[in-house]
N, C-alpha and C. Protein backbone atom coordinates (compact mmCIF):
# COMPACT_ATOMS: atom_id res chain seq x y z
N LYS A 1 -6.60 -52.11 92.08
CA LYS A 1 -5.36 -53.07 92.59
C LYS A 1 -6.02 -54.58 92.81
N ALA A 2 -7.26 -54.44 93.66
CA ALA A 2 -7.89 -55.60 93.83
C ALA A 2 -8.02 -56.21 92.54
N LEU A 3 -8.60 -55.72 91.73
CA LEU A 3 -9.10 -56.40 90.15
C LEU A 3 -7.78 -56.87 89.87
N GLN A 4 -6.68 -55.99 89.58
CA GLN A 4 -5.39 -56.63 89.09
C GLN A 4 -5.05 -57.80 89.62
N ALA A 5 -5.25 -57.85 90.71
CA ALA A 5 -4.77 -59.10 91.51
C ALA A 5 -5.49 -60.18 91.32
N ARG A 6 -6.77 -60.00 91.21
CA ARG A 6 -7.72 -61.18 91.11
C ARG A 6 -7.43 -61.74 89.37
N LEU A 7 -7.49 -60.72 88.53
CA LEU A 7 -7.13 -61.11 87.05
C LEU A 7 -5.72 -61.83 87.04
N GLN A 8 -4.85 -61.38 87.91
CA GLN A 8 -3.60 -61.96 87.61
C GLN A 8 -3.30 -63.47 88.23
N LYS A 9 -4.16 -63.70 89.10
CA LYS A 9 -4.46 -65.21 89.47
C LYS A 9 -4.88 -66.05 88.36
N MET A 10 -5.64 -65.58 87.51
CA MET A 10 -6.45 -66.09 86.36
C MET A 10 -5.21 -65.90 85.34
N ASP A 11 -4.16 -65.36 85.18
CA ASP A 11 -3.09 -65.15 84.40
C ASP A 11 -4.05 -64.43 83.03
N LEU A 12 -4.65 -63.32 83.53
CA LEU A 12 -5.15 -62.34 82.76
C LEU A 12 -4.53 -60.76 83.10
N ARG A 13 -4.70 -60.07 82.11
CA ARG A 13 -4.31 -58.51 82.56
C ARG A 13 -5.08 -57.47 81.76
N LEU A 14 -5.39 -56.55 82.45
CA LEU A 14 -6.54 -55.45 82.10
C LEU A 14 -5.67 -54.36 81.59
N GLU A 15 -6.14 -54.10 80.05
CA GLU A 15 -5.29 -52.79 79.72
C GLU A 15 -6.35 -51.71 79.52
N VAL A 16 -6.39 -50.86 80.30
CA VAL A 16 -7.50 -49.45 80.07
C VAL A 16 -7.00 -48.48 79.33
N ALA A 17 -7.71 -48.09 78.41
CA ALA A 17 -7.43 -46.94 77.52
C ALA A 17 -7.40 -45.56 78.31
N PRO A 18 -6.66 -44.53 77.95
CA PRO A 18 -6.72 -43.30 78.52
C PRO A 18 -8.03 -42.95 78.65
N ALA A 19 -8.82 -42.88 77.37
CA ALA A 19 -10.42 -42.34 77.66
C ALA A 19 -11.08 -42.82 78.48
N ALA A 20 -10.97 -44.33 78.74
CA ALA A 20 -11.71 -44.91 79.73
C ALA A 20 -11.24 -44.53 81.28
N LEU A 21 -9.82 -44.44 81.40
CA LEU A 21 -9.58 -43.94 82.70
C LEU A 21 -10.09 -42.61 83.06
N ALA A 22 -10.19 -41.58 82.01
CA ALA A 22 -10.76 -40.33 82.30
C ALA A 22 -12.25 -40.48 82.60
N GLU A 23 -12.89 -41.25 81.73
CA GLU A 23 -14.52 -41.49 82.14
C GLU A 23 -14.55 -41.89 83.51
N LEU A 24 -13.78 -43.22 83.98
CA LEU A 24 -13.82 -43.33 85.43
C LEU A 24 -13.60 -42.26 86.24
N ALA A 25 -12.68 -41.56 86.06
CA ALA A 25 -12.20 -40.27 86.78
C ALA A 25 -13.54 -39.55 87.00
N LYS A 26 -14.38 -39.06 85.81
CA LYS A 26 -15.58 -38.30 85.82
C LYS A 26 -16.59 -38.94 86.56
N VAL A 27 -16.99 -40.15 86.29
CA VAL A 27 -18.16 -40.62 87.00
C VAL A 27 -18.11 -41.02 88.60
N GLY A 28 -16.58 -41.19 88.81
CA GLY A 28 -16.17 -41.60 90.05
C GLY A 28 -15.75 -40.94 91.08
N PHE A 29 -16.11 -39.29 90.56
CA PHE A 29 -16.08 -38.21 91.52
C PHE A 29 -17.22 -37.37 92.03
N ASP A 30 -17.35 -37.30 93.13
CA ASP A 30 -18.37 -36.34 93.73
C ASP A 30 -17.86 -35.22 94.31
N PRO A 31 -18.30 -34.15 94.17
CA PRO A 31 -17.90 -32.79 94.91
C PRO A 31 -17.68 -32.96 96.38
N VAL A 32 -18.81 -33.63 96.93
CA VAL A 32 -18.96 -33.90 98.25
C VAL A 32 -18.01 -35.14 98.73
N PHE A 33 -18.20 -35.90 98.16
CA PHE A 33 -17.42 -37.28 98.88
C PHE A 33 -16.16 -37.37 97.98
N GLY A 34 -15.88 -36.61 97.18
CA GLY A 34 -14.31 -36.85 96.68
C GLY A 34 -14.19 -38.13 95.56
N ALA A 35 -13.20 -38.80 95.98
CA ALA A 35 -13.18 -40.23 95.15
C ALA A 35 -13.92 -41.38 95.77
N ARG A 36 -14.62 -41.32 96.80
CA ARG A 36 -15.08 -42.36 97.38
C ARG A 36 -16.11 -42.99 96.36
N PRO A 37 -16.66 -42.50 95.21
CA PRO A 37 -17.73 -43.29 94.46
C PRO A 37 -16.87 -43.84 93.27
N LEU A 38 -15.44 -43.85 93.25
CA LEU A 38 -14.73 -44.34 92.35
C LEU A 38 -14.79 -46.20 92.40
N LYS A 39 -14.76 -46.32 93.61
CA LYS A 39 -14.47 -47.80 93.73
C LYS A 39 -15.97 -48.53 93.13
N ARG A 40 -16.86 -47.99 93.45
CA ARG A 40 -18.52 -48.36 93.04
C ARG A 40 -18.56 -48.07 91.42
N ALA A 41 -17.98 -47.20 90.91
CA ALA A 41 -18.16 -46.92 89.52
C ALA A 41 -17.22 -47.81 88.78
N ILE A 42 -16.03 -48.38 89.70
CA ILE A 42 -15.21 -49.50 88.85
C ILE A 42 -16.03 -50.83 88.81
N GLN A 43 -16.86 -50.89 89.88
CA GLN A 43 -17.42 -52.11 90.23
C GLN A 43 -18.64 -52.24 89.05
N GLN A 44 -19.36 -51.16 88.87
CA GLN A 44 -20.58 -51.13 87.77
C GLN A 44 -19.96 -50.99 86.48
N ARG A 45 -19.17 -50.42 86.28
CA ARG A 45 -18.63 -50.29 84.77
C ARG A 45 -17.44 -51.04 84.24
N ILE A 46 -16.59 -51.61 85.31
CA ILE A 46 -15.94 -52.55 84.73
C ILE A 46 -15.87 -53.97 85.15
N GLU A 47 -15.92 -54.32 86.53
CA GLU A 47 -16.10 -55.57 87.13
C GLU A 47 -17.01 -56.30 87.08
N ASN A 48 -18.47 -55.78 87.23
CA ASN A 48 -19.62 -56.51 86.92
C ASN A 48 -19.54 -57.01 85.33
N PRO A 49 -19.35 -56.10 84.16
CA PRO A 49 -19.63 -56.49 82.89
C PRO A 49 -18.37 -57.60 82.70
N LEU A 50 -17.42 -57.41 83.17
CA LEU A 50 -16.00 -58.23 82.74
C LEU A 50 -16.43 -59.42 83.41
N SER A 51 -16.94 -59.59 84.77
CA SER A 51 -17.17 -60.97 85.42
C SER A 51 -18.28 -61.84 84.24
N LYS A 52 -19.10 -61.16 83.90
CA LYS A 52 -20.13 -61.95 82.80
C LYS A 52 -19.34 -62.43 81.60
N LEU A 53 -18.15 -61.50 81.06
CA LEU A 53 -17.67 -62.05 79.84
C LEU A 53 -16.62 -63.33 80.06
N LEU A 54 -16.02 -63.32 81.54
CA LEU A 54 -15.26 -64.29 81.86
C LEU A 54 -15.99 -65.36 82.15
N LEU A 55 -17.29 -65.60 82.43
CA LEU A 55 -18.06 -66.59 82.83
C LEU A 55 -18.39 -67.07 81.45
N GLU A 56 -18.66 -66.36 80.43
CA GLU A 56 -18.90 -66.57 78.92
C GLU A 56 -17.52 -67.29 78.16
N GLY A 57 -16.49 -67.25 79.16
CA GLY A 57 -15.02 -67.91 78.20
C GLY A 57 -14.63 -66.93 77.40
N ARG A 58 -14.83 -65.77 77.51
CA ARG A 58 -14.52 -64.80 76.30
C ARG A 58 -12.89 -64.64 76.24
N TYR A 59 -12.26 -64.72 77.45
CA TYR A 59 -10.86 -64.34 77.61
C TYR A 59 -10.36 -65.52 78.20
N PRO A 60 -9.27 -66.31 77.25
CA PRO A 60 -8.54 -67.48 77.62
C PRO A 60 -7.41 -66.91 78.72
N PRO A 61 -6.83 -68.11 79.21
CA PRO A 61 -5.61 -67.52 80.16
C PRO A 61 -4.61 -66.87 79.21
N LYS A 62 -3.66 -66.11 80.16
CA LYS A 62 -2.51 -65.43 79.13
C LYS A 62 -3.10 -64.54 77.94
N SER A 63 -4.32 -63.91 78.43
CA SER A 63 -5.03 -62.85 77.77
C SER A 63 -4.64 -61.52 78.17
N VAL A 64 -4.81 -60.51 77.30
CA VAL A 64 -4.89 -59.05 77.94
C VAL A 64 -6.03 -58.72 77.31
N ILE A 65 -6.88 -58.18 78.21
CA ILE A 65 -8.18 -57.79 78.29
C ILE A 65 -8.34 -56.04 77.92
N PRO A 66 -8.39 -55.75 76.49
CA PRO A 66 -8.48 -54.01 76.29
C PRO A 66 -10.11 -53.72 76.95
N VAL A 67 -9.88 -52.36 77.60
CA VAL A 67 -10.91 -51.74 78.17
C VAL A 67 -10.84 -50.37 77.42
N GLY A 68 -12.02 -49.94 76.71
CA GLY A 68 -12.12 -48.51 76.14
C GLY A 68 -13.58 -48.05 76.34
N VAL A 69 -13.45 -46.72 76.03
CA VAL A 69 -14.90 -46.26 75.83
C VAL A 69 -14.80 -45.21 74.41
N ASP A 70 -16.05 -45.22 73.90
CA ASP A 70 -16.12 -44.49 72.59
C ASP A 70 -16.98 -43.19 73.06
N PRO A 71 -16.55 -42.17 73.18
CA PRO A 71 -17.34 -41.03 73.64
C PRO A 71 -18.45 -40.51 72.70
N VAL A 72 -18.25 -40.61 71.40
CA VAL A 72 -18.99 -40.27 70.42
C VAL A 72 -20.44 -41.29 69.90
N ARG A 73 -19.71 -42.53 69.82
CA ARG A 73 -20.74 -43.58 69.53
C ARG A 73 -21.50 -44.22 70.59
N ASN A 74 -20.88 -44.33 71.97
CA ASN A 74 -21.52 -44.73 73.02
C ASN A 74 -21.04 -44.12 74.44
N PRO A 75 -21.22 -42.98 74.49
CA PRO A 75 -20.85 -42.30 75.79
C PRO A 75 -21.23 -43.01 76.99
N GLY A 76 -20.05 -42.95 77.77
CA GLY A 76 -20.28 -43.71 79.25
C GLY A 76 -20.36 -44.86 79.28
N VAL A 77 -20.10 -45.82 78.15
CA VAL A 77 -20.45 -47.24 78.25
C VAL A 77 -18.88 -47.48 77.66
N PHE A 78 -18.56 -48.55 78.99
CA PHE A 78 -17.09 -49.16 78.86
C PHE A 78 -17.43 -50.39 77.81
N GLU A 79 -16.42 -50.53 76.84
CA GLU A 79 -16.23 -51.73 75.63
C GLU A 79 -15.09 -52.42 75.98
N PHE A 80 -15.28 -53.61 75.99
CA PHE A 80 -14.16 -54.76 76.17
C PHE A 80 -13.80 -55.31 74.98
N GLY A 81 -12.47 -55.11 74.40
CA GLY A 81 -12.15 -55.53 73.28
C GLY A 81 -11.88 -56.93 73.17
N ASP A 82 -11.53 -57.38 71.85
CA ASP A 82 -11.00 -59.04 71.92
C ASP A 82 -9.94 -59.25 72.53
N ALA A 83 -9.53 -60.62 72.74
CA ALA A 83 -8.55 -60.88 73.79
C ALA A 83 -7.39 -60.77 72.90
N LEU A 84 -6.28 -60.22 73.67
CA LEU A 84 -5.00 -59.91 72.97
C LEU A 84 -4.08 -61.13 73.62
N ALA A 85 -3.05 -61.46 72.65
CA ALA A 85 -1.94 -62.35 73.55
C ALA A 85 -1.12 -61.56 74.48
N MET A 86 -0.59 -62.16 75.66
CA MET A 86 0.16 -61.32 76.52
C MET A 86 1.83 -61.29 75.97
N GLY A 87 2.22 -60.45 76.05
CA GLY A 87 3.70 -60.35 75.35
C GLY A 87 4.87 -60.53 76.43
């Protein structure tokens, strides 16, 4: 929610594919700590790489940022697609 709010201030929206959500759930869950590690997983896998892309100017205002994961080609690695126009 905090990430979405920050992106909304920049006129951007994140669109996370179901496979990416499943991967986040997998890496963000620990049997001992439950979902506590989820916040760290979101920071490491989405927020940090996305910050670099935003600084590079890859996503102009009024863009949708697609986030996915390819379990065959690049398992566990989140991929950020090209900017899509907000509809």
